[in-house]
Amino acid sequence: MFILVLGLVIFLGVHSTRVLAEGWRLQQVERLGERRWKGLYTLASLSGLALIVWGFGLARHQPVVLWSPPAWTRHVAALLVLVAFVLVTAAYVPGTRIKAAIGHPMLAGVKVWALAHLLANGTLADLLLFGSFLLWAVVAFVSSRRRDRAAGTSYPAAGLGRDGLAVVVGIVAWALFAHFGHRWLIGVDPFT
């Protein structure tokens, strides 16, 4: 479990610098230069992610079961993850009404993804992984929205076509991942 926790601390810690230490982050960008800062940020993020994957894999070999979710929660989780895929896609399609309304659909998508997995899984490793991501995403979302309001930032919508694109691409990506990628990468079929 130590490796999982270490990975979470590194990965989420790096991704929390803007929330927890904006002044320090800006000083480092100025001192190192944007390219070097981004390189170190990426290296730390990938290291944390690798530790999360490794630690979660190890924890699954000797699971500490905290509760046994009912079978129906898998179906709810699948639908919530579909919403998460659409939200994450909307973060990358410029001019969606989704982004205009939510402001930070990537963070909203992470919140929905984490909540879905907390509903459908009941081990200590699941609670640590998905609970940490949910807590981080809530704090980062609130902080980002507050920063947007203070700066007067808005996200203009370009039309329904952009939303349609985000929804279609999100659904297709979800279907491919749910039916093929999840089993291949995670070792779990979300529908059985």
N, C-alpha and C. Protein backbone atom coordinates (compact mmCIF):
# COMPACT_ATOMS: atom_id res chain seq x y z
N MET A 1 0.83 -1.20 0.00
CA MET A 1 0.00 0.00 0.00
C MET A 1 0.87 1.26 0.00
N PHE A 2 2.10 1.13 0.54
CA PHE A 2 3.00 2.28 0.62
C PHE A 2 3.29 2.85 -0.76
N ILE A 3 3.51 1.99 -1.73
CA ILE A 3 3.84 2.45 -3.09
C ILE A 3 2.68 3.21 -3.69
N LEU A 4 1.46 2.72 -3.50
CA LEU A 4 0.26 3.41 -3.98
C LEU A 4 0.15 4.80 -3.35
N VAL A 5 0.31 4.87 -2.04
CA VAL A 5 0.20 6.15 -1.33
C VAL A 5 1.30 7.10 -1.80
N LEU A 6 2.53 6.60 -1.95
CA LEU A 6 3.63 7.43 -2.42
C LEU A 6 3.32 7.99 -3.81
N GLY A 7 2.82 7.13 -4.69
CA GLY A 7 2.45 7.58 -6.04
C GLY A 7 1.37 8.64 -6.01
N LEU A 8 0.37 8.46 -5.16
CA LEU A 8 -0.70 9.45 -5.04
C LEU A 8 -0.17 10.78 -4.51
N VAL A 9 0.70 10.72 -3.52
CA VAL A 9 1.27 11.95 -2.96
C VAL A 9 2.06 12.70 -4.03
N ILE A 10 2.88 11.98 -4.80
CA ILE A 10 3.68 12.63 -5.84
C ILE A 10 2.78 13.17 -6.94
N PHE A 11 1.91 12.32 -7.50
CA PHE A 11 1.08 12.72 -8.64
C PHE A 11 0.13 13.86 -8.27
N LEU A 12 -0.63 13.66 -7.21
CA LEU A 12 -1.60 14.69 -6.82
C LEU A 12 -0.92 15.91 -6.21
N GLY A 13 0.22 15.70 -5.58
CA GLY A 13 0.99 16.83 -5.06
C GLY A 13 1.46 17.75 -6.18
N VAL A 14 2.01 17.15 -7.22
CA VAL A 14 2.45 17.94 -8.38
C VAL A 14 1.27 18.68 -8.99
N HIS A 15 0.15 18.00 -9.10
CA HIS A 15 -1.04 18.60 -9.71
C HIS A 15 -1.76 19.57 -8.77
N SER A 16 -1.26 19.71 -7.55
CA SER A 16 -1.87 20.64 -6.61
C SER A 16 -1.03 21.89 -6.38
N THR A 17 0.09 22.03 -7.06
CA THR A 17 0.96 23.19 -6.81
C THR A 17 0.24 24.49 -7.10
N ARG A 18 -0.59 24.53 -8.12
CA ARG A 18 -1.31 25.76 -8.44
C ARG A 18 -2.35 26.09 -7.37
N VAL A 19 -2.89 25.07 -6.75
CA VAL A 19 -3.90 25.26 -5.71
C VAL A 19 -3.25 25.64 -4.38
N LEU A 20 -2.20 24.92 -4.02
CA LEU A 20 -1.62 25.07 -2.69
C LEU A 20 -0.43 26.03 -2.62
N ALA A 21 0.28 26.20 -3.74
CA ALA A 21 1.51 27.00 -3.69
C ALA A 21 1.72 27.77 -4.99
N GLU A 22 0.73 28.57 -5.36
CA GLU A 22 0.80 29.31 -6.63
C GLU A 22 2.01 30.24 -6.68
N GLY A 23 2.31 30.92 -5.58
CA GLY A 23 3.46 31.83 -5.56
C GLY A 23 4.77 31.08 -5.79
N TRP A 24 4.93 29.96 -5.11
CA TRP A 24 6.13 29.13 -5.28
C TRP A 24 6.21 28.61 -6.71
N ARG A 25 5.08 28.16 -7.25
CA ARG A 25 5.06 27.65 -8.63
C ARG A 25 5.53 28.72 -9.61
N LEU A 26 5.01 29.93 -9.45
CA LEU A 26 5.40 31.03 -10.34
C LEU A 26 6.88 31.36 -10.20
N GLN A 27 7.41 31.31 -8.98
CA GLN A 27 8.84 31.54 -8.76
C GLN A 27 9.68 30.49 -9.48
N GLN A 28 9.23 29.25 -9.42
CA GLN A 28 9.98 28.17 -10.06
C GLN A 28 9.93 28.28 -11.58
N VAL A 29 8.79 28.65 -12.11
CA VAL A 29 8.67 28.85 -13.56
C VAL A 29 9.61 29.96 -13.99
N GLU A 30 9.66 31.03 -13.21
CA GLU A 30 10.54 32.15 -13.54
C GLU A 30 12.01 31.75 -13.42
N ARG A 31 12.34 31.01 -12.38
CA ARG A 31 13.73 30.61 -12.12
C ARG A 31 14.22 29.59 -13.14
N LEU A 32 13.39 28.59 -13.43
CA LEU A 32 13.79 27.50 -14.31
C LEU A 32 13.49 27.75 -15.78
N GLY A 33 12.52 28.59 -16.04
CA GLY A 33 12.01 28.73 -17.39
C GLY A 33 10.83 27.79 -17.58
N GLU A 34 9.91 28.18 -18.45
CA GLU A 34 8.69 27.40 -18.61
C GLU A 34 8.96 25.99 -19.12
N ARG A 35 9.88 25.84 -20.07
CA ARG A 35 10.13 24.50 -20.63
C ARG A 35 10.73 23.56 -19.59
N ARG A 36 11.70 24.04 -18.83
CA ARG A 36 12.29 23.16 -17.80
C ARG A 36 11.28 22.84 -16.72
N TRP A 37 10.48 23.83 -16.30
CA TRP A 37 9.43 23.58 -15.30
C TRP A 37 8.48 22.50 -15.80
N LYS A 38 8.01 22.65 -17.04
CA LYS A 38 7.08 21.67 -17.59
C LYS A 38 7.74 20.29 -17.71
N GLY A 39 9.02 20.26 -18.04
CA GLY A 39 9.73 18.98 -18.12
C GLY A 39 9.81 18.30 -16.77
N LEU A 40 10.16 19.04 -15.73
CA LEU A 40 10.23 18.48 -14.39
C LEU A 40 8.84 18.08 -13.88
N TYR A 41 7.85 18.91 -14.19
CA TYR A 41 6.46 18.63 -13.83
C TYR A 41 6.01 17.31 -14.47
N THR A 42 6.31 17.17 -15.74
CA THR A 42 5.94 15.95 -16.47
C THR A 42 6.67 14.73 -15.90
N LEU A 43 7.95 14.86 -15.63
CA LEU A 43 8.73 13.76 -15.08
C LEU A 43 8.17 13.32 -13.73
N ALA A 44 7.89 14.29 -12.86
CA ALA A 44 7.32 13.96 -11.55
C ALA A 44 5.93 13.34 -11.70
N SER A 45 5.12 13.86 -12.61
CA SER A 45 3.77 13.32 -12.83
C SER A 45 3.84 11.88 -13.32
N LEU A 46 4.71 11.62 -14.29
CA LEU A 46 4.83 10.25 -14.82
C LEU A 46 5.37 9.29 -13.76
N SER A 47 6.29 9.77 -12.94
CA SER A 47 6.82 8.94 -11.85
C SER A 47 5.70 8.60 -10.87
N GLY A 48 4.93 9.61 -10.49
CA GLY A 48 3.81 9.37 -9.59
C GLY A 48 2.79 8.42 -10.18
N LEU A 49 2.48 8.61 -11.46
CA LEU A 49 1.51 7.73 -12.13
C LEU A 49 2.02 6.29 -12.18
N ALA A 50 3.29 6.12 -12.49
CA ALA A 50 3.87 4.77 -12.52
C ALA A 50 3.78 4.11 -11.15
N LEU A 51 4.06 4.87 -10.10
CA LEU A 51 3.96 4.32 -8.74
C LEU A 51 2.51 3.98 -8.39
N ILE A 52 1.57 4.81 -8.83
CA ILE A 52 0.15 4.52 -8.59
C ILE A 52 -0.25 3.21 -9.25
N VAL A 53 0.11 3.06 -10.50
CA VAL A 53 -0.24 1.84 -11.25
C VAL A 53 0.40 0.62 -10.59
N TRP A 54 1.66 0.71 -10.28
CA TRP A 54 2.38 -0.40 -9.64
C TRP A 54 1.78 -0.70 -8.26
N GLY A 55 1.61 0.33 -7.46
CA GLY A 55 1.07 0.14 -6.11
C GLY A 55 -0.34 -0.40 -6.10
N PHE A 56 -1.17 0.08 -7.02
CA PHE A 56 -2.55 -0.41 -7.09
C PHE A 56 -2.56 -1.87 -7.53
N GLY A 57 -1.69 -2.21 -8.48
CA GLY A 57 -1.57 -3.61 -8.92
C GLY A 57 -1.15 -4.52 -7.78
N LEU A 58 -0.17 -4.08 -6.99
CA LEU A 58 0.26 -4.87 -5.84
C LEU A 58 -0.85 -5.02 -4.82
N ALA A 59 -1.57 -3.95 -4.55
CA ALA A 59 -2.65 -3.97 -3.56
C ALA A 59 -3.77 -4.91 -3.99
N ARG A 60 -3.97 -5.07 -5.28
CA ARG A 60 -5.05 -5.95 -5.76
C ARG A 60 -4.74 -7.43 -5.51
N HIS A 61 -3.46 -7.77 -5.30
CA HIS A 61 -3.10 -9.17 -5.03
C HIS A 61 -3.53 -9.61 -3.63
N GLN A 62 -3.57 -8.66 -2.68
CA GLN A 62 -4.02 -8.95 -1.32
C GLN A 62 -5.01 -7.87 -0.89
N PRO A 63 -6.21 -7.91 -1.45
CA PRO A 63 -7.17 -6.83 -1.18
C PRO A 63 -7.65 -6.83 0.27
N VAL A 64 -7.80 -5.63 0.79
CA VAL A 64 -8.42 -5.44 2.09
C VAL A 64 -9.84 -4.96 1.80
N VAL A 65 -10.81 -5.86 1.96
CA VAL A 65 -12.19 -5.55 1.61
C VAL A 65 -12.84 -4.76 2.75
N LEU A 66 -13.32 -3.58 2.41
CA LEU A 66 -14.00 -2.74 3.39
C LEU A 66 -15.51 -2.91 3.32
N TRP A 67 -16.05 -3.11 2.12
CA TRP A 67 -17.46 -3.36 1.92
C TRP A 67 -17.63 -4.08 0.58
N SER A 68 -18.78 -4.69 0.40
CA SER A 68 -19.09 -5.39 -0.85
C SER A 68 -20.23 -4.66 -1.54
N PRO A 69 -19.91 -3.88 -2.56
CA PRO A 69 -20.96 -3.13 -3.25
C PRO A 69 -21.93 -4.06 -3.97
N PRO A 70 -23.21 -3.72 -4.00
CA PRO A 70 -24.17 -4.52 -4.75
C PRO A 70 -23.84 -4.51 -6.25
N ALA A 71 -24.25 -5.53 -6.95
CA ALA A 71 -23.93 -5.67 -8.38
C ALA A 71 -24.45 -4.49 -9.21
N TRP A 72 -25.58 -3.91 -8.82
CA TRP A 72 -26.16 -2.82 -9.62
C TRP A 72 -25.26 -1.58 -9.65
N THR A 73 -24.36 -1.46 -8.67
CA THR A 73 -23.49 -0.28 -8.66
C THR A 73 -22.54 -0.26 -9.86
N ARG A 74 -22.25 -1.43 -10.42
CA ARG A 74 -21.40 -1.47 -11.63
C ARG A 74 -22.10 -0.80 -12.81
N HIS A 75 -23.39 -0.98 -12.91
CA HIS A 75 -24.14 -0.37 -14.00
C HIS A 75 -24.23 1.15 -13.82
N VAL A 76 -24.44 1.58 -12.58
CA VAL A 76 -24.44 3.01 -12.29
C VAL A 76 -23.07 3.59 -12.59
N ALA A 77 -22.03 2.87 -12.18
CA ALA A 77 -20.66 3.34 -12.43
C ALA A 77 -20.39 3.46 -13.93
N ALA A 78 -20.85 2.50 -14.70
CA ALA A 78 -20.63 2.55 -16.15
C ALA A 78 -21.28 3.79 -16.76
N LEU A 79 -22.50 4.11 -16.33
CA LEU A 79 -23.17 5.30 -16.84
C LEU A 79 -22.47 6.59 -16.39
N LEU A 80 -22.02 6.61 -15.14
CA LEU A 80 -21.30 7.78 -14.65
C LEU A 80 -19.98 7.97 -15.39
N VAL A 81 -19.29 6.87 -15.67
CA VAL A 81 -18.03 6.98 -16.41
C VAL A 81 -18.29 7.45 -17.84
N LEU A 82 -19.41 7.08 -18.41
CA LEU A 82 -19.78 7.62 -19.73
C LEU A 82 -19.87 9.15 -19.65
N VAL A 83 -20.53 9.66 -18.62
CA VAL A 83 -20.61 11.11 -18.42
C VAL A 83 -19.21 11.70 -18.25
N ALA A 84 -18.37 11.01 -17.50
CA ALA A 84 -16.99 11.49 -17.28
C ALA A 84 -16.23 11.58 -18.60
N PHE A 85 -16.38 10.60 -19.46
CA PHE A 85 -15.70 10.62 -20.76
C PHE A 85 -16.16 11.81 -21.59
N VAL A 86 -17.46 12.09 -21.57
CA VAL A 86 -17.97 13.25 -22.32
C VAL A 86 -17.40 14.54 -21.74
N LEU A 87 -17.36 14.65 -20.43
CA LEU A 87 -16.83 15.85 -19.79
C LEU A 87 -15.35 16.05 -20.13
N VAL A 88 -14.58 14.99 -20.04
CA VAL A 88 -13.14 15.10 -20.36
C VAL A 88 -12.96 15.47 -21.82
N THR A 89 -13.75 14.89 -22.70
CA THR A 89 -13.67 15.24 -24.12
C THR A 89 -14.02 16.71 -24.33
N ALA A 90 -15.02 17.20 -23.63
CA ALA A 90 -15.43 18.60 -23.76
C ALA A 90 -14.33 19.56 -23.34
N ALA A 91 -13.41 19.10 -22.49
CA ALA A 91 -12.29 19.95 -22.09
C ALA A 91 -11.35 20.21 -23.26
N TYR A 92 -11.35 19.32 -24.24
CA TYR A 92 -10.41 19.43 -25.37
C TYR A 92 -11.04 19.87 -26.67
N VAL A 93 -12.36 19.97 -26.70
CA VAL A 93 -13.05 20.47 -27.90
C VAL A 93 -13.34 21.95 -27.65
N PRO A 94 -12.68 22.84 -28.38
CA PRO A 94 -12.88 24.27 -28.10
C PRO A 94 -14.31 24.72 -28.38
N GLY A 95 -14.80 25.59 -27.53
CA GLY A 95 -16.08 26.24 -27.76
C GLY A 95 -17.32 25.45 -27.42
N THR A 96 -17.19 24.45 -26.55
CA THR A 96 -18.40 23.70 -26.18
C THR A 96 -19.21 24.48 -25.15
N ARG A 97 -20.50 24.28 -25.18
CA ARG A 97 -21.36 24.86 -24.15
C ARG A 97 -21.12 24.18 -22.81
N ILE A 98 -20.65 22.96 -22.88
CA ILE A 98 -20.32 22.23 -21.65
C ILE A 98 -19.22 22.98 -20.90
N LYS A 99 -18.16 23.36 -21.63
CA LYS A 99 -17.07 24.10 -20.99
C LYS A 99 -17.53 25.49 -20.57
N ALA A 100 -18.36 26.11 -21.37
CA ALA A 100 -18.88 27.43 -21.01
C ALA A 100 -19.67 27.37 -19.70
N ALA A 101 -20.43 26.30 -19.51
CA ALA A 101 -21.26 26.17 -18.31
C ALA A 101 -20.45 25.72 -17.09
N ILE A 102 -19.53 24.77 -17.29
CA ILE A 102 -18.82 24.16 -16.18
C ILE A 102 -17.49 24.85 -15.90
N GLY A 103 -16.87 25.34 -16.94
CA GLY A 103 -15.59 26.02 -16.79
C GLY A 103 -14.40 25.08 -16.84
N HIS A 104 -14.47 24.00 -16.12
CA HIS A 104 -13.36 23.04 -16.05
C HIS A 104 -13.90 21.62 -16.15
N PRO A 105 -14.34 21.22 -17.36
CA PRO A 105 -14.95 19.90 -17.50
C PRO A 105 -13.98 18.75 -17.24
N MET A 106 -12.68 18.96 -17.40
CA MET A 106 -11.72 17.89 -17.08
C MET A 106 -11.81 17.55 -15.59
N LEU A 107 -11.78 18.56 -14.76
CA LEU A 107 -11.87 18.32 -13.31
C LEU A 107 -13.24 17.75 -12.94
N ALA A 108 -14.29 18.22 -13.58
CA ALA A 108 -15.62 17.66 -13.32
C ALA A 108 -15.65 16.19 -13.74
N GLY A 109 -15.03 15.87 -14.86
CA GLY A 109 -14.96 14.49 -15.32
C GLY A 109 -14.21 13.59 -14.35
N VAL A 110 -13.11 14.10 -13.79
CA VAL A 110 -12.35 13.31 -12.81
C VAL A 110 -13.21 13.07 -11.56
N LYS A 111 -13.97 14.08 -11.15
CA LYS A 111 -14.85 13.90 -9.99
C LYS A 111 -15.87 12.79 -10.25
N VAL A 112 -16.50 12.83 -11.41
CA VAL A 112 -17.53 11.84 -11.74
C VAL A 112 -16.90 10.45 -11.86
N TRP A 113 -15.74 10.36 -12.52
CA TRP A 113 -15.02 9.08 -12.68
C TRP A 113 -14.68 8.48 -11.31
N ALA A 114 -14.13 9.31 -10.43
CA ALA A 114 -13.72 8.82 -9.10
C ALA A 114 -14.94 8.37 -8.29
N LEU A 115 -16.00 9.17 -8.30
CA LEU A 115 -17.22 8.81 -7.57
C LEU A 115 -17.79 7.50 -8.10
N ALA A 116 -17.81 7.34 -9.41
CA ALA A 116 -18.33 6.10 -10.01
C ALA A 116 -17.56 4.88 -9.51
N HIS A 117 -16.24 5.01 -9.46
CA HIS A 117 -15.42 3.88 -9.04
C HIS A 117 -15.53 3.63 -7.53
N LEU A 118 -15.77 4.67 -6.76
CA LEU A 118 -15.99 4.47 -5.32
C LEU A 118 -17.30 3.71 -5.08
N LEU A 119 -18.31 4.00 -5.89
CA LEU A 119 -19.60 3.31 -5.75
C LEU A 119 -19.48 1.81 -6.04
N ALA A 120 -18.65 1.45 -7.02
CA ALA A 120 -18.63 0.08 -7.52
C ALA A 120 -17.52 -0.78 -6.94
N ASN A 121 -16.65 -0.21 -6.11
CA ASN A 121 -15.52 -0.96 -5.58
C ASN A 121 -15.43 -0.74 -4.08
N GLY A 122 -14.98 -1.77 -3.36
CA GLY A 122 -15.01 -1.66 -1.91
C GLY A 122 -13.75 -2.06 -1.18
N THR A 123 -12.58 -1.98 -1.83
CA THR A 123 -11.35 -2.32 -1.12
C THR A 123 -10.66 -1.06 -0.61
N LEU A 124 -9.72 -1.26 0.29
CA LEU A 124 -8.95 -0.14 0.82
C LEU A 124 -8.17 0.55 -0.29
N ALA A 125 -7.61 -0.21 -1.21
CA ALA A 125 -6.87 0.40 -2.33
C ALA A 125 -7.79 1.25 -3.19
N ASP A 126 -9.01 0.78 -3.42
CA ASP A 126 -9.99 1.57 -4.19
C ASP A 126 -10.32 2.86 -3.46
N LEU A 127 -10.54 2.76 -2.15
CA LEU A 127 -10.86 3.95 -1.36
C LEU A 127 -9.71 4.96 -1.41
N LEU A 128 -8.48 4.48 -1.28
CA LEU A 128 -7.33 5.37 -1.34
C LEU A 128 -7.20 6.02 -2.72
N LEU A 129 -7.27 5.20 -3.76
CA LEU A 129 -7.07 5.71 -5.13
C LEU A 129 -8.19 6.66 -5.54
N PHE A 130 -9.40 6.17 -5.54
CA PHE A 130 -10.51 6.96 -6.06
C PHE A 130 -10.94 8.07 -5.08
N GLY A 131 -10.84 7.79 -3.79
CA GLY A 131 -11.14 8.83 -2.81
C GLY A 131 -10.15 9.99 -2.90
N SER A 132 -8.88 9.68 -3.09
CA SER A 132 -7.87 10.73 -3.24
C SER A 132 -8.12 11.57 -4.47
N PHE A 133 -8.42 10.91 -5.59
CA PHE A 133 -8.69 11.64 -6.82
C PHE A 133 -9.96 12.48 -6.69
N LEU A 134 -10.97 11.95 -6.01
CA LEU A 134 -12.21 12.71 -5.83
C LEU A 134 -11.95 13.95 -4.98
N LEU A 135 -11.26 13.78 -3.87
CA LEU A 135 -10.96 14.92 -3.01
C LEU A 135 -10.12 15.96 -3.76
N TRP A 136 -9.09 15.50 -4.47
CA TRP A 136 -8.24 16.42 -5.24
C TRP A 136 -9.06 17.18 -6.28
N ALA A 137 -9.91 16.46 -7.02
CA ALA A 137 -10.68 17.09 -8.09
C ALA A 137 -11.66 18.12 -7.53
N VAL A 138 -12.27 17.83 -6.39
CA VAL A 138 -13.19 18.80 -5.77
C VAL A 138 -12.43 20.07 -5.39
N VAL A 139 -11.30 19.92 -4.73
CA VAL A 139 -10.52 21.08 -4.30
C VAL A 139 -9.99 21.85 -5.51
N ALA A 140 -9.46 21.14 -6.50
CA ALA A 140 -8.93 21.81 -7.69
C ALA A 140 -10.03 22.52 -8.48
N PHE A 141 -11.22 21.91 -8.54
CA PHE A 141 -12.34 22.53 -9.26
C PHE A 141 -12.77 23.83 -8.59
N VAL A 142 -12.94 23.77 -7.27
CA VAL A 142 -13.34 24.97 -6.52
C VAL A 142 -12.29 26.06 -6.68
N SER A 143 -11.03 25.69 -6.56
CA SER A 143 -9.95 26.66 -6.70
C SER A 143 -9.91 27.27 -8.11
N SER A 144 -10.08 26.44 -9.11
CA SER A 144 -10.05 26.92 -10.49
C SER A 144 -11.21 27.86 -10.79
N ARG A 145 -12.39 27.51 -10.30
CA ARG A 145 -13.56 28.38 -10.51
C ARG A 145 -13.38 29.72 -9.78
N ARG A 146 -12.81 29.67 -8.58
CA ARG A 146 -12.54 30.89 -7.83
C ARG A 146 -11.53 31.76 -8.58
N ARG A 147 -10.49 31.15 -9.12
CA ARG A 147 -9.48 31.87 -9.89
C ARG A 147 -10.10 32.49 -11.15
N ASP A 148 -10.98 31.75 -11.80
CA ASP A 148 -11.68 32.28 -12.99
C ASP A 148 -12.51 33.50 -12.63
N ARG A 149 -13.27 33.42 -11.54
CA ARG A 149 -14.10 34.55 -11.13
C ARG A 149 -13.25 35.77 -10.81
N ALA A 150 -12.14 35.55 -10.11
CA ALA A 150 -11.26 36.67 -9.74
C ALA A 150 -10.64 37.33 -10.97
N ALA A 151 -10.34 36.53 -11.98
CA ALA A 151 -9.71 37.06 -13.20
C ALA A 151 -10.74 37.48 -14.24
N GLY A 152 -12.03 37.21 -14.00
CA GLY A 152 -13.06 37.53 -14.98
C GLY A 152 -13.01 36.63 -16.20
N THR A 153 -12.50 35.41 -16.03
CA THR A 153 -12.36 34.47 -17.14
C THR A 153 -13.69 33.82 -17.46
N SER A 154 -14.01 33.78 -18.74
CA SER A 154 -15.20 33.05 -19.19
C SER A 154 -14.79 32.19 -20.37
N TYR A 155 -15.61 31.22 -20.67
CA TYR A 155 -15.34 30.28 -21.75
C TYR A 155 -16.49 30.35 -22.74
N PRO A 156 -16.32 31.11 -23.81
CA PRO A 156 -17.42 31.30 -24.76
C PRO A 156 -17.75 30.02 -25.53
N ALA A 157 -19.01 29.86 -25.81
CA ALA A 157 -19.48 28.70 -26.58
C ALA A 157 -19.57 29.07 -28.05
N ALA A 158 -19.17 28.13 -28.90
CA ALA A 158 -19.17 28.38 -30.34
C ALA A 158 -20.39 27.78 -31.03
N GLY A 159 -21.14 26.94 -30.38
CA GLY A 159 -22.33 26.38 -30.99
C GLY A 159 -22.56 24.93 -30.62
N LEU A 160 -23.74 24.46 -30.96
CA LEU A 160 -24.13 23.09 -30.61
C LEU A 160 -23.29 22.02 -31.30
N GLY A 161 -22.74 22.34 -32.46
CA GLY A 161 -21.92 21.37 -33.18
C GLY A 161 -20.73 20.92 -32.36
N ARG A 162 -20.15 21.84 -31.61
CA ARG A 162 -19.00 21.51 -30.77
C ARG A 162 -19.42 20.57 -29.64
N ASP A 163 -20.59 20.82 -29.08
CA ASP A 163 -21.10 19.93 -28.03
C ASP A 163 -21.40 18.55 -28.60
N GLY A 164 -21.99 18.53 -29.79
CA GLY A 164 -22.28 17.25 -30.44
C GLY A 164 -21.00 16.46 -30.67
N LEU A 165 -19.97 17.14 -31.11
CA LEU A 165 -18.67 16.48 -31.34
C LEU A 165 -18.13 15.92 -30.02
N ALA A 166 -18.18 16.71 -28.96
CA ALA A 166 -17.68 16.25 -27.66
C ALA A 166 -18.47 15.04 -27.17
N VAL A 167 -19.79 15.07 -27.34
CA VAL A 167 -20.62 13.96 -26.88
C VAL A 167 -20.33 12.70 -27.70
N VAL A 168 -20.28 12.83 -29.02
CA VAL A 168 -20.04 11.65 -29.87
C VAL A 168 -18.66 11.06 -29.62
N VAL A 169 -17.64 11.90 -29.59
CA VAL A 169 -16.28 11.40 -29.35
C VAL A 169 -16.19 10.79 -27.95
N GLY A 170 -16.81 11.43 -26.95
CA GLY A 170 -16.81 10.88 -25.60
C GLY A 170 -17.49 9.52 -25.52
N ILE A 171 -18.62 9.38 -26.19
CA ILE A 171 -19.34 8.10 -26.18
C ILE A 171 -18.54 7.01 -26.87
N VAL A 172 -17.96 7.33 -28.02
CA VAL A 172 -17.16 6.34 -28.75
C VAL A 172 -15.94 5.93 -27.93
N ALA A 173 -15.25 6.91 -27.34
CA ALA A 173 -14.08 6.60 -26.51
C ALA A 173 -14.48 5.75 -25.31
N TRP A 174 -15.60 6.09 -24.68
CA TRP A 174 -16.09 5.31 -23.54
C TRP A 174 -16.40 3.88 -23.97
N ALA A 175 -17.10 3.71 -25.09
CA ALA A 175 -17.48 2.37 -25.54
C ALA A 175 -16.25 1.52 -25.83
N LEU A 176 -15.27 2.11 -26.51
CA LEU A 176 -14.05 1.36 -26.81
C LEU A 176 -13.30 0.99 -25.54
N PHE A 177 -13.17 1.95 -24.64
CA PHE A 177 -12.44 1.67 -23.41
C PHE A 177 -13.20 0.69 -22.53
N ALA A 178 -14.50 0.87 -22.39
CA ALA A 178 -15.29 -0.01 -21.53
C ALA A 178 -15.30 -1.45 -22.03
N HIS A 179 -15.37 -1.62 -23.34
CA HIS A 179 -15.48 -2.97 -23.88
C HIS A 179 -14.15 -3.64 -24.16
N PHE A 180 -13.09 -2.87 -24.34
CA PHE A 180 -11.79 -3.46 -24.68
C PHE A 180 -10.67 -2.99 -23.75
N GLY A 181 -10.53 -1.69 -23.60
CA GLY A 181 -9.40 -1.13 -22.89
C GLY A 181 -9.36 -1.42 -21.41
N HIS A 182 -10.50 -1.37 -20.73
CA HIS A 182 -10.54 -1.57 -19.28
C HIS A 182 -10.05 -2.98 -18.93
N ARG A 183 -10.52 -3.96 -19.65
CA ARG A 183 -10.11 -5.34 -19.38
C ARG A 183 -8.62 -5.52 -19.68
N TRP A 184 -8.18 -4.94 -20.79
CA TRP A 184 -6.79 -5.08 -21.21
C TRP A 184 -5.83 -4.37 -20.26
N LEU A 185 -6.17 -3.12 -19.89
CA LEU A 185 -5.27 -2.34 -19.05
C LEU A 185 -5.41 -2.63 -17.56
N ILE A 186 -6.64 -2.81 -17.10
CA ILE A 186 -6.91 -2.94 -15.67
C ILE A 186 -7.11 -4.41 -15.26
N GLY A 187 -7.52 -5.23 -16.22
CA GLY A 187 -7.76 -6.64 -15.91
C GLY A 187 -9.15 -6.93 -15.40
N VAL A 188 -10.04 -5.96 -15.53
CA VAL A 188 -11.41 -6.10 -15.03
C VAL A 188 -12.38 -5.73 -16.13
N ASP A 189 -13.36 -6.60 -16.38
CA ASP A 189 -14.42 -6.27 -17.32
C ASP A 189 -15.51 -5.54 -16.55
N PRO A 190 -15.76 -4.27 -16.89
CA PRO A 190 -16.73 -3.50 -16.09
C PRO A 190 -18.17 -3.99 -16.22
N PHE A 191 -18.45 -4.86 -17.17
CA PHE A 191 -19.84 -5.30 -17.39
C PHE A 191 -20.12 -6.71 -16.90
N THR A 192 -19.13 -7.35 -16.28
CA THR A 192 -19.40 -8.72 -15.78
C THR A 192 -19.13 -8.80 -14.30
